Amino acid sequence: HQTSFAREYRLGSAAKRRMALAWTLRRPPTAVLRWARLVATHATAPPVHATTVDGVTHIELRRPHARNAVDSHTAAMLADCFRAFDSDAEAKVAVLSGQGGTFCAGYDLTEVATKKDSIAFPMPGHGDAPMGPSRMQLSKPVIAALDGYAVAGGLELALLCDLRVADEGTVLGVFCRRFGVPLIDGGTVRLPALIGLSRALDLILTGRPVDASEAMAMGLVNRVVPKGQALAAAMELAKSLTKFPQQCMRADRASAYNSAYDATSFHAAMTFEFEKGMQILQAESVKGAQAFVGGQGRSGKF
């Protein structure tokens, strides 16, 4: 109740503010204090936070009062964080998560509801997507740590990531279906590529919820962990990726994406893979072969 009243006070009408004030008068002083702190914190705190430690960049949505729904300000900050990650030579892998037990509930419909006359977003190639980074083709791996709801635009953010680690309480889905809000952040592009057209259409047309176990079975998520452990598991997975030769891993990743989205033929995809791979042989493969001959990595050990 504290969260909902704080949101009403911050976003609502004068009548709703009076209602919120009346609620505070019926509460004990400690509850009123917690509520006041909640309002003050979410009014001033940046909606996105990013840190890089030991090659892993953690990007966190911090709008728990709105289930980490993304408004235009948050989208701009999120895009800037991903650009900074992609250009940072020290950053090797990113983890995207949401604060407060929910990954992301999509675009903030309270902002959309105020745009009665016209809604304008940049076309692809002319600016960032409504959710921020969802049009980007990044050069390094990103892992999503999913908990709570990853729905609508939040699902599209998850699809931007290379891998998705979900806790067992996660719910995914195209929940925007029921409100007449289309997928314009890559959902209709990435979802069929990841899980196939038939399964993608099931989610897109029905807007139904998908739990973590079903998402795992259809390939929508890559790992399912106990409730509350998604971020820790995603960070551990990210750290494991930092240990590999990075140029080789990025070249293979780029070739996989080219094959899935851009290649015009089998021959074109094979050519792209070969050309990318040949650039790596001298840079990393010779050194790796020497390490193997010297006894490193035998018996399948990393």
Protein backbone atom coordinates (compact mmCIF):
# COMPACT_ATOMS: atom_id res chain seq x y z
CA HIS A 1 0.00 0.00 0.00
CA GLN A 2 2.87 2.36 0.71
CA THR A 3 4.18 1.93 -2.82
CA SER A 4 0.81 2.50 -4.48
CA PHE A 5 0.02 5.58 -2.40
CA ALA A 6 3.47 7.02 -3.03
CA ARG A 7 2.86 6.59 -6.76
CA GLU A 8 -0.59 8.20 -6.52
CA TYR A 9 0.88 11.12 -4.63
CA ARG A 10 3.65 11.66 -7.15
CA LEU A 11 1.61 11.17 -10.33
CA GLY A 12 -2.00 11.65 -9.41
CA SER A 13 -4.54 14.43 -9.22
CA ALA A 14 -5.07 16.81 -6.30
CA ALA A 15 -7.91 14.58 -5.10
CA LYS A 16 -5.64 11.56 -5.08
CA ARG A 17 -3.02 13.52 -3.17
CA ARG A 18 -5.62 14.43 -0.56
CA MET A 19 -6.57 10.76 -0.34
CA ALA A 20 -2.94 9.81 0.12
CA LEU A 21 -2.56 12.42 2.84
CA ALA A 22 -5.64 11.10 4.60
CA TRP A 23 -4.11 7.63 4.48
CA THR A 24 -0.97 8.88 6.20
CA LEU A 25 -2.99 10.36 9.05
CA ARG A 26 -4.40 6.91 9.81
CA ARG A 27 -1.00 5.22 9.88
CA PRO A 28 1.53 4.98 12.72
CA PRO A 29 4.45 7.44 12.51
CA THR A 30 6.91 4.74 11.38
CA ALA A 31 4.72 3.84 8.37
CA VAL A 32 4.34 7.50 7.43
CA LEU A 33 8.11 7.94 7.62
CA ARG A 34 8.75 4.94 5.38
CA TRP A 35 6.21 6.23 2.89
CA ALA A 36 7.77 9.71 2.87
CA ARG A 37 11.20 8.24 2.30
CA LEU A 38 9.84 6.17 -0.59
CA VAL A 39 8.38 9.25 -2.28
CA ALA A 40 11.57 11.26 -1.79
CA THR A 41 13.86 8.47 -2.97
CA HIS A 42 12.02 7.74 -6.22
CA ALA A 43 11.58 11.43 -6.97
CA THR A 44 15.33 12.06 -6.94
CA ALA A 45 17.19 8.79 -7.61
CA PRO A 46 18.49 8.10 -11.14
CA PRO A 47 16.32 5.46 -12.83
CA VAL A 48 19.33 3.55 -14.19
CA HIS A 49 22.55 2.62 -12.43
CA ALA A 50 25.67 1.10 -14.03
CA THR A 51 28.94 -0.15 -12.56
CA THR A 52 31.83 -2.14 -14.03
CA VAL A 53 33.91 -4.50 -11.88
CA ASP A 54 36.45 -7.03 -13.20
CA GLY A 55 35.20 -6.76 -16.76
CA VAL A 56 31.50 -7.19 -15.92
CA THR A 57 29.17 -4.20 -16.32
CA HIS A 58 26.00 -4.36 -14.24
CA ILE A 59 23.20 -2.17 -15.61
CA GLU A 60 20.20 -1.94 -13.29
CA LEU A 61 16.77 -0.42 -13.79
CA ARG A 62 15.82 1.45 -10.62
CA ARG A 63 12.13 2.30 -10.85
CA PRO A 64 10.70 -0.33 -8.48
CA HIS A 65 7.76 1.94 -7.64
CA ALA A 66 6.66 1.45 -11.28
CA ARG A 67 7.81 -2.18 -11.59
CA ASN A 68 10.77 -0.79 -13.53
CA ALA A 69 8.55 0.41 -16.36
CA VAL A 70 10.59 2.57 -18.73
CA ASP A 71 9.67 6.18 -19.47
CA SER A 72 11.44 8.42 -22.00
CA HIS A 73 14.03 9.65 -19.49
CA THR A 74 14.83 6.10 -18.37
CA ALA A 75 15.05 4.92 -21.99
CA ALA A 76 17.61 7.61 -22.81
CA MET A 77 19.73 6.73 -19.78
CA LEU A 78 19.51 3.02 -20.54
CA ALA A 79 20.66 3.56 -24.13
CA ASP A 80 23.56 5.72 -22.94
CA CYS A 81 24.64 3.01 -20.49
CA PHE A 82 24.70 0.37 -23.23
CA ARG A 83 26.66 2.67 -25.54
CA ALA A 84 29.18 3.29 -22.77
CA PHE A 85 29.47 -0.46 -22.15
CA ASP A 86 30.00 -1.28 -25.82
CA SER A 87 32.75 1.33 -26.19
CA ASP A 88 34.55 0.56 -22.91
CA ALA A 89 37.62 -1.56 -23.61
CA GLU A 90 37.66 -2.80 -20.00
CA ALA A 91 34.05 -4.03 -20.09
CA LYS A 92 33.66 -7.53 -21.52
CA VAL A 93 30.16 -8.69 -20.57
CA ALA A 94 27.08 -6.85 -19.29
CA VAL A 95 24.29 -7.98 -16.99
CA LEU A 96 20.91 -6.23 -17.16
CA SER A 97 18.58 -6.47 -14.16
CA GLY A 98 15.74 -4.67 -12.41
CA GLN A 99 15.65 -3.50 -8.82
CA GLY A 100 13.00 -4.58 -6.36
CA GLY A 101 11.95 -8.03 -7.54
CA THR A 102 10.77 -7.19 -11.07
CA PHE A 103 12.87 -7.10 -14.23
CA CYS A 104 10.72 -4.71 -16.27
CA ALA A 105 6.99 -4.29 -16.80
CA GLY A 106 7.41 -2.59 -20.19
CA TYR A 107 6.98 1.01 -21.26
CA ASP A 108 5.43 3.34 -18.69
CA LEU A 109 1.82 3.63 -19.89
CA THR A 110 1.21 6.61 -17.60
CA GLU A 111 3.43 8.56 -20.00
CA VAL A 112 1.67 7.17 -23.10
CA ALA A 113 -1.73 8.01 -21.63
CA THR A 114 -0.88 11.73 -21.60
CA LYS A 115 -0.12 11.79 -25.35
CA LYS A 116 -3.66 12.09 -26.65
CA ASP A 117 -2.89 13.98 -29.88
CA SER A 118 0.24 12.31 -31.22
CA ILE A 119 2.91 9.82 -30.23
CA ALA A 120 6.27 10.15 -31.96
CA PHE A 121 9.38 7.99 -31.70
CA PRO A 122 12.43 8.02 -34.03
CA MET A 123 12.46 5.59 -36.92
CA PRO A 124 15.12 2.84 -36.84
CA GLY A 125 18.38 4.35 -37.98
CA HIS A 126 17.38 7.81 -36.79
CA GLY A 127 17.49 7.46 -33.03
CA ASP A 128 17.01 5.17 -30.08
CA ALA A 129 14.01 2.88 -29.67
CA PRO A 130 11.16 3.69 -27.26
CA MET A 131 12.67 1.34 -24.64
CA GLY A 132 16.15 2.78 -25.28
CA PRO A 133 18.76 0.22 -26.42
CA SER A 134 16.48 -2.37 -28.02
CA ARG A 135 17.53 -1.52 -31.62
CA MET A 136 21.23 -1.79 -30.84
CA GLN A 137 23.46 -4.46 -32.33
CA LEU A 138 26.06 -4.72 -29.60
CA SER A 139 29.53 -6.16 -30.08
CA LYS A 140 29.73 -7.89 -26.67
CA PRO A 141 27.53 -10.36 -24.77
CA VAL A 142 24.71 -9.19 -22.50
CA ILE A 143 22.93 -11.40 -19.97
CA ALA A 144 19.47 -10.61 -18.58
CA ALA A 145 18.77 -11.45 -14.93
CA LEU A 146 15.01 -11.99 -14.88
CA ASP A 147 12.70 -12.03 -11.89
CA GLY A 148 9.13 -10.97 -11.25
CA TYR A 149 7.71 -9.72 -14.54
CA ALA A 150 9.55 -9.45 -17.86
CA VAL A 151 6.61 -8.43 -20.00
CA ALA A 152 5.70 -6.22 -22.97
CA GLY A 153 8.65 -3.88 -23.56
CA GLY A 154 10.41 -5.61 -20.67
CA LEU A 155 10.29 -8.84 -22.66
CA GLU A 156 11.77 -6.95 -25.61
CA LEU A 157 14.65 -5.77 -23.42
CA ALA A 158 15.22 -9.37 -22.37
CA LEU A 159 15.27 -10.41 -26.05
CA LEU A 160 17.99 -7.83 -26.71
CA CYS A 161 20.24 -9.86 -24.43
CA ASP A 162 22.26 -12.85 -25.62
CA LEU A 163 21.32 -15.03 -22.65
CA ARG A 164 18.50 -14.93 -20.11
CA VAL A 165 18.75 -16.26 -16.56
CA ALA A 166 15.34 -16.42 -14.86
CA ASP A 167 14.38 -17.25 -11.33
CA GLU A 168 11.59 -19.77 -10.92
CA GLY A 169 9.03 -17.06 -10.12
CA THR A 170 9.54 -15.13 -13.36
CA VAL A 171 6.60 -14.44 -15.67
CA LEU A 172 7.16 -13.46 -19.30
CA GLY A 173 4.67 -12.39 -21.92
CA VAL A 174 3.36 -9.87 -24.44
CA PHE A 175 1.07 -8.26 -21.85
CA CYS A 176 0.74 -5.12 -23.98
CA ARG A 177 -1.64 -7.11 -26.22
CA ARG A 178 -4.58 -6.36 -23.93
CA PHE A 179 -3.98 -2.58 -24.08
CA GLY A 180 -3.53 -2.17 -27.83
CA VAL A 181 0.18 -1.33 -27.52
CA PRO A 182 2.24 -2.89 -30.35
CA LEU A 183 5.68 -4.46 -30.17
CA ILE A 184 7.97 -1.78 -31.65
CA ASP A 185 11.19 -2.64 -29.79
CA GLY A 186 12.16 -5.76 -31.70
CA GLY A 187 9.69 -8.21 -30.21
CA THR A 188 8.30 -9.41 -33.55
CA VAL A 189 11.84 -9.62 -34.96
CA ARG A 190 13.82 -11.30 -32.18
CA LEU A 191 11.17 -13.58 -30.70
CA PRO A 192 10.60 -15.69 -33.87
CA ALA A 193 14.37 -15.89 -34.38
CA LEU A 194 14.86 -17.23 -30.85
CA ILE A 195 11.95 -19.66 -30.41
CA GLY A 196 10.49 -20.15 -33.89
CA LEU A 197 7.53 -18.53 -35.62
CA SER A 198 4.84 -20.87 -34.27
CA ARG A 199 5.72 -20.40 -30.61
CA ALA A 200 6.37 -16.70 -31.13
CA LEU A 201 2.90 -16.22 -32.63
CA ASP A 202 1.36 -18.06 -29.68
CA LEU A 203 2.86 -15.45 -27.34
CA ILE A 204 2.33 -12.47 -29.64
CA LEU A 205 -1.32 -13.15 -30.52
CA THR A 206 -2.59 -14.32 -27.13
CA GLY A 207 -0.53 -12.14 -24.80
CA ARG A 208 -0.66 -15.02 -22.33
CA PRO A 209 1.74 -15.36 -19.37
CA VAL A 210 4.61 -17.81 -19.65
CA ASP A 211 6.24 -19.10 -16.48
CA ALA A 212 9.95 -19.83 -16.14
CA SER A 213 9.69 -23.58 -16.69
CA GLU A 214 7.73 -23.20 -19.94
CA ALA A 215 10.07 -20.42 -21.06
CA MET A 216 13.00 -22.76 -20.48
CA ALA A 217 11.33 -25.55 -22.44
CA MET A 218 10.73 -23.31 -25.48
CA GLY A 219 14.22 -21.76 -25.39
CA LEU A 220 13.05 -18.34 -24.31
CA VAL A 221 15.32 -18.46 -21.26
CA ASN A 222 18.64 -20.29 -20.90
CA ARG A 223 18.81 -20.97 -17.16
CA VAL A 224 16.22 -21.27 -14.38
CA VAL A 225 17.43 -20.78 -10.82
CA PRO A 226 15.75 -20.67 -7.40
CA LYS A 227 13.71 -17.59 -6.58
CA GLY A 228 15.81 -14.55 -5.75
CA GLN A 229 19.03 -15.93 -7.27
CA ALA A 230 18.79 -14.75 -10.89
CA LEU A 231 21.16 -11.79 -10.50
CA ALA A 232 23.82 -13.81 -8.67
CA ALA A 233 23.62 -16.58 -11.27
CA ALA A 234 23.78 -14.08 -14.15
CA MET A 235 26.81 -12.36 -12.64
CA GLU A 236 28.56 -15.70 -12.19
CA LEU A 237 27.81 -16.63 -15.79
CA ALA A 238 29.12 -13.25 -16.95
CA LYS A 239 32.36 -13.73 -15.02
CA SER A 240 32.86 -17.12 -16.67
CA LEU A 241 32.62 -15.49 -20.13
CA THR A 242 35.29 -12.92 -19.27
CA LYS A 243 37.85 -15.73 -18.93
CA PHE A 244 37.71 -16.72 -22.60
CA PRO A 245 39.79 -15.14 -25.40
CA GLN A 246 37.54 -12.20 -26.18
CA GLN A 247 38.19 -11.55 -29.88
CA CYS A 248 37.39 -15.15 -30.80
CA MET A 249 34.21 -15.22 -28.72
CA ARG A 250 32.98 -11.94 -30.21
CA ALA A 251 33.75 -13.07 -33.76
CA ASP A 252 31.75 -16.29 -33.33
CA ARG A 253 28.93 -14.34 -31.69
CA ALA A 254 28.87 -11.84 -34.57
CA SER A 255 28.76 -14.67 -37.10
CA ALA A 256 25.81 -16.32 -35.32
CA TYR A 257 23.85 -13.05 -35.37
CA ASN A 258 24.73 -12.46 -39.02
CA SER A 259 23.48 -15.93 -39.89
CA ALA A 260 20.23 -15.40 -37.96
CA TYR A 261 19.34 -11.91 -39.19
CA ASP A 262 21.49 -10.53 -42.00
CA ALA A 263 22.89 -13.25 -44.28
CA THR A 264 21.18 -13.45 -47.67
CA SER A 265 22.21 -17.06 -48.35
CA PHE A 266 24.03 -20.05 -46.90
CA HIS A 267 27.10 -19.11 -48.95
CA ALA A 268 27.03 -15.54 -47.63
CA ALA A 269 26.78 -16.77 -44.03
CA MET A 270 29.66 -19.22 -44.50
CA THR A 271 31.79 -16.50 -46.10
CA PHE A 272 31.13 -14.11 -43.23
CA GLU A 273 32.04 -16.80 -40.70
CA PHE A 274 35.27 -17.67 -42.52
CA GLU A 275 36.41 -14.08 -42.92
CA LYS A 276 35.73 -13.28 -39.27
CA GLY A 277 37.50 -16.44 -38.15
CA MET A 278 40.59 -15.84 -40.26
CA GLN A 279 41.08 -12.49 -38.54
CA ILE A 280 41.32 -14.30 -35.20
CA LEU A 281 43.75 -17.09 -36.06
CA GLN A 282 46.91 -15.05 -35.72
CA ALA A 283 45.59 -12.82 -32.95
CA GLU A 284 44.44 -15.51 -30.50
CA SER A 285 44.40 -19.02 -31.98
CA VAL A 286 48.16 -19.57 -32.20
CA LYS A 287 48.56 -18.57 -28.57
CA GLY A 288 45.67 -20.84 -27.61
CA ALA A 289 47.14 -23.79 -29.51
CA GLN A 290 50.48 -23.26 -27.78
CA ALA A 291 48.73 -23.28 -24.40
CA PHE A 292 46.97 -26.54 -25.30
CA VAL A 293 50.22 -28.19 -26.42
CA GLY A 294 51.74 -27.08 -23.12
CA GLY A 295 49.08 -29.02 -21.20
CA GLN A 296 46.46 -26.36 -20.48
CA GLY A 297 42.78 -27.28 -20.84
CA ARG A 298 43.26 -31.04 -21.11
CA SER A 299 40.38 -33.42 -20.24
CA GLY A 300 37.80 -30.72 -20.94
CA LYS A 301 38.97 -28.42 -18.17
CA PHE A 302 38.59 -24.66 -18.66
